[in-house]
Amino acid sequence: ALTATTTETYSWTETDIEHVMSRFHADLKMIAQSTGTWSEKL
């Protein structure tokens, strides 16, 4: 019988994702405000 094992290691955390996504959120706000399309809540 042959078996194989794989391991995935990530160095990032949820906090890292939050940090990156804050930049996405800032971009989205700029796009929505400059185009006059979406409300701040949306």
ModelCIF file with pLDDT and N, C-alpha, C, O atoms, coordinates in Angstrom:
data_MODEL
#
_entry.id   MODEL 
#
_entity.id                         1 
_entity.type                       polymer 
_entity.pdbx_number_of_molecules   1 
#
_entity_poly.entity_id                      1 
_entity_poly.type                           'polypeptide(L)' 
_entity_poly.nstd_linkage                   no 
_entity_poly.nstd_monomer                   no 
_entity_poly.pdbx_seq_one_letter_code       ALTATTTETYSWTETDIEHVMSRFHADLKMIAQSTGTWSEKL 
_entity_poly.pdbx_seq_one_letter_code_can   ALTATTTETYSWTETDIEHVMSRFHADLKMIAQSTGTWSEKL 
_entity_poly.pdbx_strand_id                 A 
#
loop_
_entity_poly_seq.entity_id 
_entity_poly_seq.num 
_entity_poly_seq.mon_id 
_entity_poly_seq.hetero 
1 1  ALA n 
1 2  LEU n 
1 3  THR n 
1 4  ALA n 
1 5  THR n 
1 6  THR n 
1 7  THR n 
1 8  GLU n 
1 9  THR n 
1 10 TYR n 
1 11 SER n 
1 12 TRP n 
1 13 THR n 
1 14 GLU n 
1 15 THR n 
1 16 ASP n 
1 17 ILE n 
1 18 GLU n 
1 19 HIS n 
1 20 VAL n 
1 21 MET n 
1 22 SER n 
1 23 ARG n 
1 24 PHE n 
1 25 HIS n 
1 26 ALA n 
1 27 ASP n 
1 28 LEU n 
1 29 LYS n 
1 30 MET n 
1 31 ILE n 
1 32 ALA n 
1 33 GLN n 
1 34 SER n 
1 35 THR n 
1 36 GLY n 
1 37 THR n 
1 38 TRP n 
1 39 SER n 
1 40 GLU n 
1 41 LYS n 
1 42 LEU n 
#
_struct_asym.id          A 
_struct_asym.entity_id   1 
#
loop_
_ma_qa_metric.id 
_ma_qa_metric.mode 
_ma_qa_metric.name 
_ma_qa_metric.software_group_id 
_ma_qa_metric.type 
1 global pLDDT . pLDDT 
2 local  pLDDT . pLDDT 
#
_ma_qa_metric_global.metric_id      1 
_ma_qa_metric_global.metric_value   84.57 
_ma_qa_metric_global.model_id       1 
_ma_qa_metric_global.ordinal_id     1 
#
loop_
_ma_qa_metric_local.label_asym_id 
_ma_qa_metric_local.label_comp_id 
_ma_qa_metric_local.label_seq_id 
_ma_qa_metric_local.metric_id 
_ma_qa_metric_local.metric_value 
_ma_qa_metric_local.model_id 
_ma_qa_metric_local.ordinal_id 
A ALA 1  2 50.00 1 1  
A LEU 2  2 52.00 1 2  
A THR 3  2 47.00 1 3  
A ALA 4  2 46.00 1 4  
A THR 5  2 46.00 1 5  
A THR 6  2 45.00 1 6  
A THR 7  2 48.00 1 7  
A GLU 8  2 52.00 1 8  
A THR 9  2 54.00 1 9  
A TYR 10 2 58.00 1 10 
A SER 11 2 74.00 1 11 
A TRP 12 2 77.00 1 12 
A THR 13 2 90.00 1 13 
A GLU 14 2 94.00 1 14 
A THR 15 2 94.00 1 15 
A ASP 16 2 92.00 1 16 
A ILE 17 2 95.00 1 17 
A GLU 18 2 96.00 1 18 
A HIS 19 2 95.00 1 19 
A VAL 20 2 96.00 1 20 
A MET 21 2 97.00 1 21 
A SER 22 2 97.00 1 22 
A ARG 23 2 97.00 1 23 
A PHE 24 2 97.00 1 24 
A HIS 25 2 98.00 1 25 
A ALA 26 2 97.00 1 26 
A ASP 27 2 98.00 1 27 
A LEU 28 2 98.00 1 28 
A LYS 29 2 98.00 1 29 
A MET 30 2 98.00 1 30 
A ILE 31 2 98.00 1 31 
A ALA 32 2 98.00 1 32 
A GLN 33 2 98.00 1 33 
A SER 34 2 98.00 1 34 
A THR 35 2 98.00 1 35 
A GLY 36 2 98.00 1 36 
A THR 37 2 98.00 1 37 
A TRP 38 2 98.00 1 38 
A SER 39 2 98.00 1 39 
A GLU 40 2 98.00 1 40 
A LYS 41 2 98.00 1 41 
A LEU 42 2 98.00 1 42 
#
loop_
_atom_site.group_PDB 
_atom_site.id 
_atom_site.type_symbol 
_atom_site.label_atom_id 
_atom_site.label_alt_id 
_atom_site.label_comp_id 
_atom_site.label_asym_id 
_atom_site.label_entity_id 
_atom_site.label_seq_id 
_atom_site.pdbx_PDB_ins_code 
_atom_site.Cartn_x 
_atom_site.Cartn_y 
_atom_site.Cartn_z 
_atom_site.occupancy 
_atom_site.B_iso_or_equiv 
_atom_site.pdbx_formal_charge 
_atom_site.auth_seq_id 
_atom_site.auth_comp_id 
_atom_site.auth_asym_id 
_atom_site.auth_atom_id 
_atom_site.pdbx_PDB_model_num 
ATOM 1   N N  . ALA A 1 1  ? 0.844   -1.191 0.000  1.00 50.00 ? 1  ALA A N  1 
ATOM 2   C CA . ALA A 1 1  ? 0.000   0.000  0.000  1.00 50.00 ? 1  ALA A CA 1 
ATOM 3   C C  . ALA A 1 1  ? 0.880   1.241  0.000  1.00 50.00 ? 1  ALA A C  1 
ATOM 4   O O  . ALA A 1 1  ? 1.901   1.307  0.684  1.00 50.00 ? 1  ALA A O  1 
ATOM 5   N N  . LEU A 1 2  ? 0.457   2.206  -0.776 1.00 52.00 ? 2  LEU A N  1 
ATOM 6   C CA . LEU A 1 2  ? 1.182   3.475  -0.819 1.00 52.00 ? 2  LEU A CA 1 
ATOM 7   C C  . LEU A 1 2  ? 0.334   4.544  -0.167 1.00 52.00 ? 2  LEU A C  1 
ATOM 8   O O  . LEU A 1 2  ? -0.881  4.581  -0.358 1.00 52.00 ? 2  LEU A O  1 
ATOM 9   N N  . THR A 1 3  ? 0.957   5.403  0.589  1.00 47.00 ? 3  THR A N  1 
ATOM 10  C CA . THR A 1 3  ? 0.246   6.530  1.202  1.00 47.00 ? 3  THR A CA 1 
ATOM 11  C C  . THR A 1 3  ? 1.041   7.791  0.964  1.00 47.00 ? 3  THR A C  1 
ATOM 12  O O  . THR A 1 3  ? 2.251   7.766  0.743  1.00 47.00 ? 3  THR A O  1 
ATOM 13  N N  . ALA A 1 4  ? 0.327   8.884  1.017  1.00 46.00 ? 4  ALA A N  1 
ATOM 14  C CA . ALA A 1 4  ? 0.968   10.185 0.855  1.00 46.00 ? 4  ALA A CA 1 
ATOM 15  C C  . ALA A 1 4  ? 0.356   11.151 1.857  1.00 46.00 ? 4  ALA A C  1 
ATOM 16  O O  . ALA A 1 4  ? -0.835  11.081 2.161  1.00 46.00 ? 4  ALA A O  1 
ATOM 17  N N  . THR A 1 5  ? 1.165   12.028 2.350  1.00 46.00 ? 5  THR A N  1 
ATOM 18  C CA . THR A 1 5  ? 0.697   13.037 3.293  1.00 46.00 ? 5  THR A CA 1 
ATOM 19  C C  . THR A 1 5  ? 1.157   14.400 2.799  1.00 46.00 ? 5  THR A C  1 
ATOM 20  O O  . THR A 1 5  ? 2.296   14.565 2.362  1.00 46.00 ? 5  THR A O  1 
ATOM 21  N N  . THR A 1 6  ? 0.266   15.363 2.874  1.00 45.00 ? 6  THR A N  1 
ATOM 22  C CA . THR A 1 6  ? 0.637   16.728 2.528  1.00 45.00 ? 6  THR A CA 1 
ATOM 23  C C  . THR A 1 6  ? 0.321   17.628 3.705  1.00 45.00 ? 6  THR A C  1 
ATOM 24  O O  . THR A 1 6  ? -0.605  17.372 4.474  1.00 45.00 ? 6  THR A O  1 
ATOM 25  N N  . THR A 1 7  ? 1.089   18.661 3.830  1.00 48.00 ? 7  THR A N  1 
ATOM 26  C CA . THR A 1 7  ? 0.876   19.639 4.885  1.00 48.00 ? 7  THR A CA 1 
ATOM 27  C C  . THR A 1 7  ? 0.915   21.022 4.269  1.00 48.00 ? 7  THR A C  1 
ATOM 28  O O  . THR A 1 7  ? 1.799   21.342 3.473  1.00 48.00 ? 7  THR A O  1 
ATOM 29  N N  . GLU A 1 8  ? -0.049  21.833 4.646  1.00 52.00 ? 8  GLU A N  1 
ATOM 30  C CA . GLU A 1 8  ? -0.058  23.223 4.195  1.00 52.00 ? 8  GLU A CA 1 
ATOM 31  C C  . GLU A 1 8  ? 0.206   24.105 5.408  1.00 52.00 ? 8  GLU A C  1 
ATOM 32  O O  . GLU A 1 8  ? -0.449  23.967 6.442  1.00 52.00 ? 8  GLU A O  1 
ATOM 33  N N  . THR A 1 9  ? 1.150   24.993 5.277  1.00 54.00 ? 9  THR A N  1 
ATOM 34  C CA . THR A 1 9  ? 1.473   25.900 6.359  1.00 54.00 ? 9  THR A CA 1 
ATOM 35  C C  . THR A 1 9  ? 1.265   27.321 5.880  1.00 54.00 ? 9  THR A C  1 
ATOM 36  O O  . THR A 1 9  ? 1.773   27.719 4.831  1.00 54.00 ? 9  THR A O  1 
ATOM 37  N N  . TYR A 1 10 ? 0.523   28.073 6.648  1.00 58.00 ? 10 TYR A N  1 
ATOM 38  C CA . TYR A 1 10 ? 0.277   29.471 6.324  1.00 58.00 ? 10 TYR A CA 1 
ATOM 39  C C  . TYR A 1 10 ? 0.855   30.337 7.424  1.00 58.00 ? 10 TYR A C  1 
ATOM 40  O O  . TYR A 1 10 ? 0.765   30.001 8.605  1.00 58.00 ? 10 TYR A O  1 
ATOM 41  N N  . SER A 1 11 ? 1.442   31.439 7.036  1.00 74.00 ? 11 SER A N  1 
ATOM 42  C CA . SER A 1 11 ? 2.016   32.347 8.032  1.00 74.00 ? 11 SER A CA 1 
ATOM 43  C C  . SER A 1 11 ? 1.077   33.492 8.353  1.00 74.00 ? 11 SER A C  1 
ATOM 44  O O  . SER A 1 11 ? 1.393   34.326 9.202  1.00 74.00 ? 11 SER A O  1 
ATOM 45  N N  . TRP A 1 12 ? -0.066  33.551 7.696  1.00 77.00 ? 12 TRP A N  1 
ATOM 46  C CA . TRP A 1 12 ? -0.981  34.663 7.903  1.00 77.00 ? 12 TRP A CA 1 
ATOM 47  C C  . TRP A 1 12 ? -2.088  34.288 8.877  1.00 77.00 ? 12 TRP A C  1 
ATOM 48  O O  . TRP A 1 12 ? -2.397  33.115 9.089  1.00 77.00 ? 12 TRP A O  1 
ATOM 49  N N  . THR A 1 13 ? -2.676  35.334 9.462  1.00 90.00 ? 13 THR A N  1 
ATOM 50  C CA . THR A 1 13 ? -3.750  35.157 10.435 1.00 90.00 ? 13 THR A CA 1 
ATOM 51  C C  . THR A 1 13 ? -4.974  35.947 9.970  1.00 90.00 ? 13 THR A C  1 
ATOM 52  O O  . THR A 1 13 ? -4.935  36.633 8.949  1.00 90.00 ? 13 THR A O  1 
ATOM 53  N N  . GLU A 1 14 ? -6.046  35.840 10.729 1.00 94.00 ? 14 GLU A N  1 
ATOM 54  C CA . GLU A 1 14 ? -7.245  36.618 10.431 1.00 94.00 ? 14 GLU A CA 1 
ATOM 55  C C  . GLU A 1 14 ? -6.953  38.110 10.492 1.00 94.00 ? 14 GLU A C  1 
ATOM 56  O O  . GLU A 1 14 ? -7.516  38.892 9.725  1.00 94.00 ? 14 GLU A O  1 
ATOM 57  N N  . THR A 1 15 ? -6.078  38.498 11.401 1.00 94.00 ? 15 THR A N  1 
ATOM 58  C CA . THR A 1 15 ? -5.695  39.906 11.525 1.00 94.00 ? 15 THR A CA 1 
ATOM 59  C C  . THR A 1 15 ? -5.003  40.392 10.256 1.00 94.00 ? 15 THR A C  1 
ATOM 60  O O  . THR A 1 15 ? -5.209  41.529 9.833  1.00 94.00 ? 15 THR A O  1 
ATOM 61  N N  . ASP A 1 16 ? -4.195  39.546 9.657  1.00 92.00 ? 16 ASP A N  1 
ATOM 62  C CA . ASP A 1 16 ? -3.530  39.906 8.396  1.00 92.00 ? 16 ASP A CA 1 
ATOM 63  C C  . ASP A 1 16 ? -4.569  40.129 7.294  1.00 92.00 ? 16 ASP A C  1 
ATOM 64  O O  . ASP A 1 16 ? -4.463  41.077 6.515  1.00 92.00 ? 16 ASP A O  1 
ATOM 65  N N  . ILE A 1 17 ? -5.566  39.254 7.234  1.00 95.00 ? 17 ILE A N  1 
ATOM 66  C CA . ILE A 1 17 ? -6.629  39.403 6.234  1.00 95.00 ? 17 ILE A CA 1 
ATOM 67  C C  . ILE A 1 17 ? -7.397  40.701 6.490  1.00 95.00 ? 17 ILE A C  1 
ATOM 68  O O  . ILE A 1 17 ? -7.714  41.429 5.549  1.00 95.00 ? 17 ILE A O  1 
ATOM 69  N N  . GLU A 1 18 ? -7.698  40.994 7.760  1.00 96.00 ? 18 GLU A N  1 
ATOM 70  C CA . GLU A 1 18 ? -8.393  42.246 8.102  1.00 96.00 ? 18 GLU A CA 1 
ATOM 71  C C  . GLU A 1 18 ? -7.592  43.461 7.644  1.00 96.00 ? 18 GLU A C  1 
ATOM 72  O O  . GLU A 1 18 ? -8.156  44.424 7.125  1.00 96.00 ? 18 GLU A O  1 
ATOM 73  N N  . HIS A 1 19 ? -6.289  43.409 7.836  1.00 95.00 ? 19 HIS A N  1 
ATOM 74  C CA . HIS A 1 19 ? -5.405  44.509 7.432  1.00 95.00 ? 19 HIS A CA 1 
ATOM 75  C C  . HIS A 1 19 ? -5.477  44.730 5.916  1.00 95.00 ? 19 HIS A C  1 
ATOM 76  O O  . HIS A 1 19 ? -5.621  45.861 5.452  1.00 95.00 ? 19 HIS A O  1 
ATOM 77  N N  . VAL A 1 20 ? -5.377  43.649 5.163  1.00 96.00 ? 20 VAL A N  1 
ATOM 78  C CA . VAL A 1 20 ? -5.435  43.739 3.700  1.00 96.00 ? 20 VAL A CA 1 
ATOM 79  C C  . VAL A 1 20 ? -6.822  44.205 3.259  1.00 96.00 ? 20 VAL A C  1 
ATOM 80  O O  . VAL A 1 20 ? -6.945  45.060 2.381  1.00 96.00 ? 20 VAL A O  1 
ATOM 81  N N  . MET A 1 21 ? -7.848  43.648 3.862  1.00 97.00 ? 21 MET A N  1 
ATOM 82  C CA . MET A 1 21 ? -9.211  43.995 3.467  1.00 97.00 ? 21 MET A CA 1 
ATOM 83  C C  . MET A 1 21 ? -9.568  45.430 3.812  1.00 97.00 ? 21 MET A C  1 
ATOM 84  O O  . MET A 1 21 ? -10.476 45.994 3.201  1.00 97.00 ? 21 MET A O  1 
ATOM 85  N N  . SER A 1 22 ? -8.882  46.039 4.770  1.00 97.00 ? 22 SER A N  1 
ATOM 86  C CA . SER A 1 22 ? -9.122  47.461 5.053  1.00 97.00 ? 22 SER A CA 1 
ATOM 87  C C  . SER A 1 22 ? -8.713  48.317 3.857  1.00 97.00 ? 22 SER A C  1 
ATOM 88  O O  . SER A 1 22 ? -9.299  49.375 3.627  1.00 97.00 ? 22 SER A O  1 
ATOM 89  N N  . ARG A 1 23 ? -7.733  47.880 3.106  1.00 97.00 ? 23 ARG A N  1 
ATOM 90  C CA . ARG A 1 23 ? -7.323  48.581 1.889  1.00 97.00 ? 23 ARG A CA 1 
ATOM 91  C C  . ARG A 1 23 ? -8.365  48.395 0.787  1.00 97.00 ? 23 ARG A C  1 
ATOM 92  O O  . ARG A 1 23 ? -8.673  49.334 0.052  1.00 97.00 ? 23 ARG A O  1 
ATOM 93  N N  . PHE A 1 24 ? -8.904  47.186 0.676  1.00 97.00 ? 24 PHE A N  1 
ATOM 94  C CA . PHE A 1 24 ? -10.000 46.938 -0.257 1.00 97.00 ? 24 PHE A CA 1 
ATOM 95  C C  . PHE A 1 24 ? -11.182 47.842 0.084  1.00 97.00 ? 24 PHE A C  1 
ATOM 96  O O  . PHE A 1 24 ? -11.774 48.455 -0.805 1.00 97.00 ? 24 PHE A O  1 
ATOM 97  N N  . HIS A 1 25 ? -11.523 47.925 1.361  1.00 98.00 ? 25 HIS A N  1 
ATOM 98  C CA . HIS A 1 25 ? -12.640 48.750 1.807  1.00 98.00 ? 25 HIS A CA 1 
ATOM 99  C C  . HIS A 1 25 ? -12.398 50.221 1.457  1.00 98.00 ? 25 HIS A C  1 
ATOM 100 O O  . HIS A 1 25 ? -13.311 50.912 1.008  1.00 98.00 ? 25 HIS A O  1 
ATOM 101 N N  . ALA A 1 26 ? -11.176 50.693 1.663  1.00 97.00 ? 26 ALA A N  1 
ATOM 102 C CA . ALA A 1 26 ? -10.842 52.084 1.323  1.00 97.00 ? 26 ALA A CA 1 
ATOM 103 C C  . ALA A 1 26 ? -11.009 52.326 -0.181 1.00 97.00 ? 26 ALA A C  1 
ATOM 104 O O  . ALA A 1 26 ? -11.556 53.351 -0.586 1.00 97.00 ? 26 ALA A O  1 
ATOM 105 N N  . ASP A 1 27 ? -10.543 51.394 -1.000 1.00 98.00 ? 27 ASP A N  1 
ATOM 106 C CA . ASP A 1 27 ? -10.724 51.507 -2.451 1.00 98.00 ? 27 ASP A CA 1 
ATOM 107 C C  . ASP A 1 27 ? -12.205 51.565 -2.800 1.00 98.00 ? 27 ASP A C  1 
ATOM 108 O O  . ASP A 1 27 ? -12.633 52.406 -3.590 1.00 98.00 ? 27 ASP A O  1 
ATOM 109 N N  . LEU A 1 28 ? -12.977 50.673 -2.211 1.00 98.00 ? 28 LEU A N  1 
ATOM 110 C CA . LEU A 1 28 ? -14.404 50.592 -2.503 1.00 98.00 ? 28 LEU A CA 1 
ATOM 111 C C  . LEU A 1 28 ? -15.110 51.896 -2.141 1.00 98.00 ? 28 LEU A C  1 
ATOM 112 O O  . LEU A 1 28 ? -15.984 52.360 -2.873 1.00 98.00 ? 28 LEU A O  1 
ATOM 113 N N  . LYS A 1 29 ? -14.727 52.485 -1.010 1.00 98.00 ? 29 LYS A N  1 
ATOM 114 C CA . LYS A 1 29 ? -15.314 53.777 -0.605 1.00 98.00 ? 29 LYS A CA 1 
ATOM 115 C C  . LYS A 1 29 ? -14.979 54.870 -1.618 1.00 98.00 ? 29 LYS A C  1 
ATOM 116 O O  . LYS A 1 29 ? -15.834 55.677 -1.981 1.00 98.00 ? 29 LYS A O  1 
ATOM 117 N N  . MET A 1 30 ? -13.717 54.886 -2.073 1.00 98.00 ? 30 MET A N  1 
ATOM 118 C CA . MET A 1 30 ? -13.308 55.893 -3.064 1.00 98.00 ? 30 MET A CA 1 
ATOM 119 C C  . MET A 1 30 ? -14.104 55.738 -4.355 1.00 98.00 ? 30 MET A C  1 
ATOM 120 O O  . MET A 1 30 ? -14.551 56.725 -4.940 1.00 98.00 ? 30 MET A O  1 
ATOM 121 N N  . ILE A 1 31 ? -14.277 54.494 -4.793 1.00 98.00 ? 31 ILE A N  1 
ATOM 122 C CA . ILE A 1 31 ? -15.016 54.236 -6.023 1.00 98.00 ? 31 ILE A CA 1 
ATOM 123 C C  . ILE A 1 31 ? -16.472 54.667 -5.871 1.00 98.00 ? 31 ILE A C  1 
ATOM 124 O O  . ILE A 1 31 ? -17.011 55.363 -6.731 1.00 98.00 ? 31 ILE A O  1 
ATOM 125 N N  . ALA A 1 32 ? -17.103 54.255 -4.780 1.00 98.00 ? 32 ALA A N  1 
ATOM 126 C CA . ALA A 1 32 ? -18.518 54.567 -4.558 1.00 98.00 ? 32 ALA A CA 1 
ATOM 127 C C  . ALA A 1 32 ? -18.748 56.070 -4.430 1.00 98.00 ? 32 ALA A C  1 
ATOM 128 O O  . ALA A 1 32 ? -19.696 56.606 -5.004 1.00 98.00 ? 32 ALA A O  1 
ATOM 129 N N  . GLN A 1 33 ? -17.889 56.745 -3.681 1.00 98.00 ? 33 GLN A N  1 
ATOM 130 C CA . GLN A 1 33 ? -18.055 58.193 -3.487 1.00 98.00 ? 33 GLN A CA 1 
ATOM 131 C C  . GLN A 1 33 ? -17.781 58.970 -4.766 1.00 98.00 ? 33 GLN A C  1 
ATOM 132 O O  . GLN A 1 33 ? -18.536 59.878 -5.115 1.00 98.00 ? 33 GLN A O  1 
ATOM 133 N N  . SER A 1 34 ? -16.710 58.621 -5.466 1.00 98.00 ? 34 SER A N  1 
ATOM 134 C CA . SER A 1 34 ? -16.356 59.392 -6.665 1.00 98.00 ? 34 SER A CA 1 
ATOM 135 C C  . SER A 1 34 ? -17.382 59.213 -7.782 1.00 98.00 ? 34 SER A C  1 
ATOM 136 O O  . SER A 1 34 ? -17.622 60.137 -8.560 1.00 98.00 ? 34 SER A O  1 
ATOM 137 N N  . THR A 1 35 ? -17.984 58.036 -7.862 1.00 98.00 ? 35 THR A N  1 
ATOM 138 C CA . THR A 1 35 ? -18.972 57.781 -8.915 1.00 98.00 ? 35 THR A CA 1 
ATOM 139 C C  . THR A 1 35 ? -20.382 58.199 -8.504 1.00 98.00 ? 35 THR A C  1 
ATOM 140 O O  . THR A 1 35 ? -21.265 58.332 -9.351 1.00 98.00 ? 35 THR A O  1 
ATOM 141 N N  . GLY A 1 36 ? -20.590 58.405 -7.207 1.00 98.00 ? 36 GLY A N  1 
ATOM 142 C CA . GLY A 1 36 ? -21.907 58.783 -6.712 1.00 98.00 ? 36 GLY A CA 1 
ATOM 143 C C  . GLY A 1 36 ? -22.930 57.671 -6.833 1.00 98.00 ? 36 GLY A C  1 
ATOM 144 O O  . GLY A 1 36 ? -24.118 57.934 -7.019 1.00 98.00 ? 36 GLY A O  1 
ATOM 145 N N  . THR A 1 37 ? -22.478 56.431 -6.727 1.00 98.00 ? 37 THR A N  1 
ATOM 146 C CA . THR A 1 37 ? -23.382 55.301 -6.972 1.00 98.00 ? 37 THR A CA 1 
ATOM 147 C C  . THR A 1 37 ? -23.912 54.647 -5.703 1.00 98.00 ? 37 THR A C  1 
ATOM 148 O O  . THR A 1 37 ? -25.128 54.528 -5.553 1.00 98.00 ? 37 THR A O  1 
ATOM 149 N N  . TRP A 1 38 ? -23.074 54.230 -4.811 1.00 98.00 ? 38 TRP A N  1 
ATOM 150 C CA . TRP A 1 38 ? -23.487 53.494 -3.625 1.00 98.00 ? 38 TRP A CA 1 
ATOM 151 C C  . TRP A 1 38 ? -23.495 54.387 -2.390 1.00 98.00 ? 38 TRP A C  1 
ATOM 152 O O  . TRP A 1 38 ? -22.684 55.305 -2.266 1.00 98.00 ? 38 TRP A O  1 
ATOM 153 N N  . SER A 1 39 ? -24.414 54.108 -1.488 1.00 98.00 ? 39 SER A N  1 
ATOM 154 C CA . SER A 1 39 ? -24.426 54.791 -0.194 1.00 98.00 ? 39 SER A CA 1 
ATOM 155 C C  . SER A 1 39 ? -23.265 54.268 0.657  1.00 98.00 ? 39 SER A C  1 
ATOM 156 O O  . SER A 1 39 ? -22.682 53.225 0.360  1.00 98.00 ? 39 SER A O  1 
ATOM 157 N N  . GLU A 1 40 ? -22.947 54.998 1.700  1.00 98.00 ? 40 GLU A N  1 
ATOM 158 C CA . GLU A 1 40 ? -21.885 54.563 2.602  1.00 98.00 ? 40 GLU A CA 1 
ATOM 159 C C  . GLU A 1 40 ? -22.268 53.235 3.273  1.00 98.00 ? 40 GLU A C  1 
ATOM 160 O O  . GLU A 1 40 ? -21.417 52.367 3.469  1.00 98.00 ? 40 GLU A O  1 
ATOM 161 N N  . LYS A 1 41 ? -23.536 53.085 3.618  1.00 98.00 ? 41 LYS A N  1 
ATOM 162 C CA . LYS A 1 41 ? -23.987 51.839 4.261  1.00 98.00 ? 41 LYS A CA 1 
ATOM 163 C C  . LYS A 1 41 ? -23.839 50.649 3.318  1.00 98.00 ? 41 LYS A C  1 
ATOM 164 O O  . LYS A 1 41 ? -23.347 49.597 3.724  1.00 98.00 ? 41 LYS A O  1 
ATOM 165 N N  . LEU A 1 42 ? -24.256 50.803 2.069  1.00 98.00 ? 42 LEU A N  1 
ATOM 166 C CA . LEU A 1 42 ? -24.118 49.708 1.114  1.00 98.00 ? 42 LEU A CA 1 
ATOM 167 C C  . LEU A 1 42 ? -22.646 49.360 0.914  1.00 98.00 ? 42 LEU A C  1 
ATOM 168 O O  . LEU A 1 42 ? -22.324 48.457 0.142  1.00 98.00 ? 42 LEU A O  1 
#
